[in-house]
Every structure is written in structure tokens, then in C-alpha cells.
Amino acid sequence: MQAKRFIRIIALCGVVWVIFLADFALGGEIRKASANQPAEEIKLPVEVEVVLTYMYVDGEISEETITETIYSMENFWAKYDEWQLIGMDQGKFIFRKEMDDISPLLKANGYFGVTEDGILTIFNGKPYKSHIIQSFFQIDVGKLESRKRMELKKGIPIKTKDRYVEVLETFKSYSKEKQAN
């Protein structure tokens, strides 16, 4: 909890730095306003860049960059309370969130299949038409039931995290790496 508070203090310093740079760019207009009004009455929205990094169970990472106007630091931190602050740099905040799900790419077009070398692989589309997204381990294809071999050859669609985990677990027992140990 203290680490989170420390990070927020550091982030606040970053926002102060942004305000300083904005004041410099505006020729001191912010300081002139503060000389005429008590500090708590000054409403200075600050525009910052926020990078949201999503990390999925399947190893995919996606980023989204947005411009955020901060009217209140308290509201800003509350908005990103479930995110981990991983970096800041002059008006830029970088947050990360681990998603307990598979990536949108896999849901939309991911298929488990097997390469010619017998490696369990995820393809972008059906295995015989598309390129590899991720490879896992080599399977002893000779020990597979013909039904499972055909499923892999045609491609097993991945629509949910449960299906992703189920297929990996099913074929892990056919792994050549496991048999070598």
C-alpha cells in the first residue's frame, strides 16, 4: 500500500513538472493567476498522454494511447486504481493491466493446430492457410487418436480462455519434451 502511495506522489511530481512546462510555454500566465488567487481555488486542467498496456493470458500484449485531461488528481488515480503504474515521463503515464482472458486476436481468429514438425501452435486463421502466432511444444503425433489428429489438422478454434487452457492441457500429455524427462 505504501509503494502505491509513493508512486502516486512521484506521479504528482510529474504532473507538477507538466504544469511548470505549460507555465513556461504560456510565458508565466499560470504564476500570474496564482498570485491573484489562493492556490486551492485555481482550476488547472492538465492534459496528459496515458498509455494503457493490456497483458493477456496467451502472452499477447496490446497498447492503447489516449489523451486525458486531469481536473483532479484524486479522480485521475481513482479512474486507474485497478491499473499498475509502470512509468511516467513528462506528461505521459504508462499503466499496465493483466487481463484474465485471451486476447481479442485469438477470440476472433485464433486456431490451435500442429506444424509439419509436430509442434502445437496457434495460427491466425486455419492452420493450412495462415501464419503462426505462438508455438508451444512438440507433440508425439503418432500417439494421438486419429480424431485428435484430424482436429489439429483442421484447426481447433479458440473462442474463450477456458477453451485455450483445455486444449493446452489435453495436448500437454502428448508432449515429446515431457517424455524425454
Protein backbone atom coordinates (compact mmCIF):
# COMPACT_ATOMS: atom_id res chain seq x y z
CA MET A 1 0.00 0.00 0.00
CA GLN A 2 2.87 2.39 0.81
CA ALA A 3 4.51 1.62 -2.52
CA LYS A 4 1.32 2.64 -4.31
CA ARG A 5 1.20 5.88 -2.32
CA PHE A 6 4.87 6.57 -3.10
CA ILE A 7 4.23 6.02 -6.80
CA ARG A 8 1.31 8.42 -6.68
CA ILE A 9 3.49 11.06 -5.05
CA ILE A 10 6.07 10.59 -7.78
CA ALA A 11 3.30 10.85 -10.37
CA LEU A 12 2.08 14.07 -8.78
CA CYS A 13 5.63 15.42 -9.13
CA GLY A 14 5.40 14.52 -12.82
CA VAL A 15 2.16 16.48 -13.14
CA VAL A 16 3.74 19.43 -11.36
CA TRP A 17 6.56 19.22 -13.91
CA VAL A 18 3.99 19.29 -16.73
CA ILE A 19 2.34 22.36 -15.17
CA PHE A 20 5.74 24.01 -14.88
CA LEU A 21 6.42 23.33 -18.58
CA ALA A 22 2.96 24.62 -19.50
CA ASP A 23 3.58 27.77 -17.43
CA PHE A 24 6.90 28.25 -19.16
CA ALA A 25 5.26 27.83 -22.58
CA LEU A 26 2.49 30.30 -21.63
CA GLY A 27 5.01 32.92 -20.54
CA GLY A 28 4.20 32.74 -16.83
CA GLU A 29 0.41 33.08 -17.14
CA ILE A 30 -0.14 30.35 -14.55
CA ARG A 31 2.06 32.11 -11.98
CA LYS A 32 0.26 35.42 -12.62
CA ALA A 33 -3.07 33.72 -11.95
CA SER A 34 -1.76 32.12 -8.77
CA ALA A 35 -0.51 35.44 -7.46
CA ASN A 36 -4.07 36.80 -7.61
CA GLN A 37 -5.90 33.75 -6.24
CA PRO A 38 -5.31 31.30 -3.40
CA ALA A 39 -3.82 28.05 -4.71
CA GLU A 40 -6.84 25.90 -3.78
CA GLU A 41 -9.13 27.99 -5.98
CA ILE A 42 -7.04 27.57 -9.14
CA LYS A 43 -8.58 25.06 -11.52
CA LEU A 44 -5.88 23.99 -13.91
CA PRO A 45 -6.82 21.09 -16.12
CA VAL A 46 -3.70 19.33 -17.29
CA GLU A 47 -3.65 17.33 -20.50
CA VAL A 48 -1.52 14.18 -20.36
CA GLU A 49 -0.91 11.17 -22.55
CA VAL A 50 -1.97 7.86 -21.00
CA VAL A 51 -0.68 4.57 -22.38
CA LEU A 52 -2.74 1.55 -21.34
CA THR A 53 -0.95 -1.77 -21.76
CA TYR A 54 -3.09 -4.92 -21.68
CA MET A 55 -1.33 -8.25 -20.97
CA TYR A 56 -3.34 -11.36 -21.87
CA VAL A 57 -3.09 -14.97 -20.65
CA ASP A 58 -1.90 -16.09 -24.10
CA GLY A 59 1.10 -13.75 -23.95
CA GLU A 60 -0.31 -11.11 -26.30
CA ILE A 61 0.24 -7.50 -25.33
CA SER A 62 -1.76 -4.62 -26.72
CA GLU A 63 -1.49 -0.90 -26.12
CA GLU A 64 -3.93 1.93 -26.31
CA THR A 65 -2.85 5.56 -26.11
CA ILE A 66 -5.32 8.21 -25.05
CA THR A 67 -5.15 11.88 -24.15
CA GLU A 68 -6.57 12.54 -20.72
CA THR A 69 -7.46 15.89 -19.19
CA ILE A 70 -6.82 15.84 -15.45
CA TYR A 71 -9.11 18.12 -13.47
CA SER A 72 -8.44 16.37 -10.16
CA MET A 73 -5.56 14.08 -9.28
CA GLU A 74 -7.83 12.18 -6.91
CA ASN A 75 -10.27 11.40 -9.73
CA PHE A 76 -7.43 10.53 -12.09
CA TRP A 77 -5.95 7.98 -9.67
CA ALA A 78 -9.41 6.58 -8.89
CA LYS A 79 -10.01 6.04 -12.61
CA TYR A 80 -6.82 3.95 -12.91
CA ASP A 81 -7.00 2.31 -9.50
CA GLU A 82 -7.07 -1.21 -10.97
CA TRP A 83 -4.04 -0.50 -13.17
CA GLN A 84 -0.37 -0.70 -12.27
CA LEU A 85 1.62 2.44 -12.96
CA ILE A 86 4.81 1.27 -14.68
CA GLY A 87 6.25 4.53 -15.93
CA MET A 88 5.99 8.29 -16.22
CA ASP A 89 7.78 10.80 -18.34
CA GLN A 90 6.93 14.48 -18.77
CA GLY A 91 3.18 14.38 -19.16
CA LYS A 92 2.97 10.70 -20.06
CA PHE A 93 1.67 7.97 -17.77
CA ILE A 94 2.12 4.29 -18.64
CA PHE A 95 -0.20 1.80 -16.97
CA ARG A 96 -0.37 -1.99 -17.23
CA LYS A 97 -3.21 -4.37 -16.52
CA GLU A 98 -3.04 -8.15 -16.57
CA MET A 99 -6.17 -9.50 -18.19
CA ASP A 100 -7.56 -12.83 -17.02
CA ASP A 101 -8.60 -13.64 -20.58
CA ILE A 102 -7.23 -14.43 -24.02
CA SER A 103 -6.50 -11.64 -26.46
CA PRO A 104 -9.13 -10.31 -28.87
CA LEU A 105 -6.99 -11.64 -31.76
CA LEU A 106 -7.32 -15.23 -30.52
CA LYS A 107 -11.04 -14.86 -29.89
CA ALA A 108 -11.59 -13.54 -33.39
CA ASN A 109 -9.29 -15.70 -35.46
CA GLY A 110 -7.09 -17.99 -33.34
CA TYR A 111 -6.84 -21.70 -34.11
CA PHE A 112 -4.79 -24.42 -32.45
CA GLY A 113 -3.05 -26.65 -34.94
CA VAL A 114 0.14 -28.56 -35.47
CA THR A 115 3.06 -27.74 -37.75
CA GLU A 116 4.68 -30.27 -40.09
CA ASP A 117 7.28 -30.81 -37.34
CA GLY A 118 4.51 -31.74 -34.87
CA ILE A 119 4.69 -28.54 -32.81
CA LEU A 120 1.44 -27.46 -31.14
CA THR A 121 0.88 -23.97 -32.49
CA ILE A 122 -1.68 -21.17 -32.55
CA PHE A 123 -2.37 -19.85 -36.03
CA ASN A 124 -4.04 -16.66 -37.18
CA GLY A 125 -6.79 -18.46 -39.08
CA LYS A 126 -6.97 -22.11 -40.09
CA PRO A 127 -3.58 -23.88 -39.85
CA TYR A 128 -3.22 -24.65 -43.53
CA LYS A 129 -3.99 -21.07 -44.60
CA SER A 130 -2.41 -18.77 -42.10
CA HIS A 131 0.67 -17.75 -40.21
CA ILE A 132 1.89 -18.70 -36.74
CA ILE A 133 1.03 -16.56 -33.73
CA GLN A 134 2.60 -18.71 -30.99
CA SER A 135 4.27 -22.13 -30.72
CA PHE A 136 4.27 -24.32 -27.62
CA PHE A 137 5.82 -27.80 -27.62
CA GLN A 138 6.37 -30.75 -29.89
CA ILE A 139 3.70 -33.44 -29.82
CA ASP A 140 4.23 -37.14 -30.44
CA VAL A 141 1.69 -37.14 -33.27
CA GLY A 142 1.96 -40.94 -33.60
CA LYS A 143 0.38 -41.37 -30.16
CA LEU A 144 -2.61 -39.14 -30.95
CA GLU A 145 -6.02 -40.68 -31.58
CA SER A 146 -7.00 -40.19 -35.22
CA ARG A 147 -9.87 -37.90 -34.14
CA LYS A 148 -7.50 -35.57 -32.26
CA ARG A 149 -5.02 -35.62 -35.14
CA MET A 150 -7.80 -34.56 -37.54
CA GLU A 151 -8.97 -31.80 -35.17
CA LEU A 152 -5.45 -30.36 -35.11
CA LYS A 153 -5.10 -30.68 -38.86
CA LYS A 154 -8.38 -28.80 -39.46
CA GLY A 155 -7.70 -26.35 -36.64
CA ILE A 156 -9.33 -26.02 -33.25
CA PRO A 157 -10.94 -22.57 -32.86
CA ILE A 158 -10.12 -20.64 -29.69
CA LYS A 159 -13.05 -18.51 -28.58
CA THR A 160 -12.62 -18.49 -24.80
CA LYS A 161 -9.92 -18.66 -22.15
CA ASP A 162 -11.39 -21.97 -20.92
CA ARG A 163 -11.03 -23.50 -24.38
CA TYR A 164 -7.45 -22.19 -24.63
CA VAL A 165 -6.50 -23.82 -21.31
CA GLU A 166 -8.40 -27.03 -22.09
CA VAL A 167 -6.61 -27.59 -25.41
CA LEU A 168 -3.17 -26.89 -23.90
CA GLU A 169 -3.85 -29.32 -21.05
CA THR A 170 -5.17 -32.00 -23.39
CA PHE A 171 -2.13 -31.99 -25.64
CA LYS A 172 0.45 -31.47 -22.88
CA SER A 173 0.24 -35.20 -22.12
CA TYR A 174 1.39 -35.92 -25.72
CA SER A 175 4.43 -33.64 -25.42
CA LYS A 176 7.73 -35.17 -26.52
CA GLU A 177 9.54 -32.90 -24.02
CA LYS A 178 7.63 -34.50 -21.16
CA GLN A 179 8.54 -38.00 -22.34
CA ALA A 180 12.25 -37.09 -22.60
CA ASN A 181 12.43 -36.16 -18.90
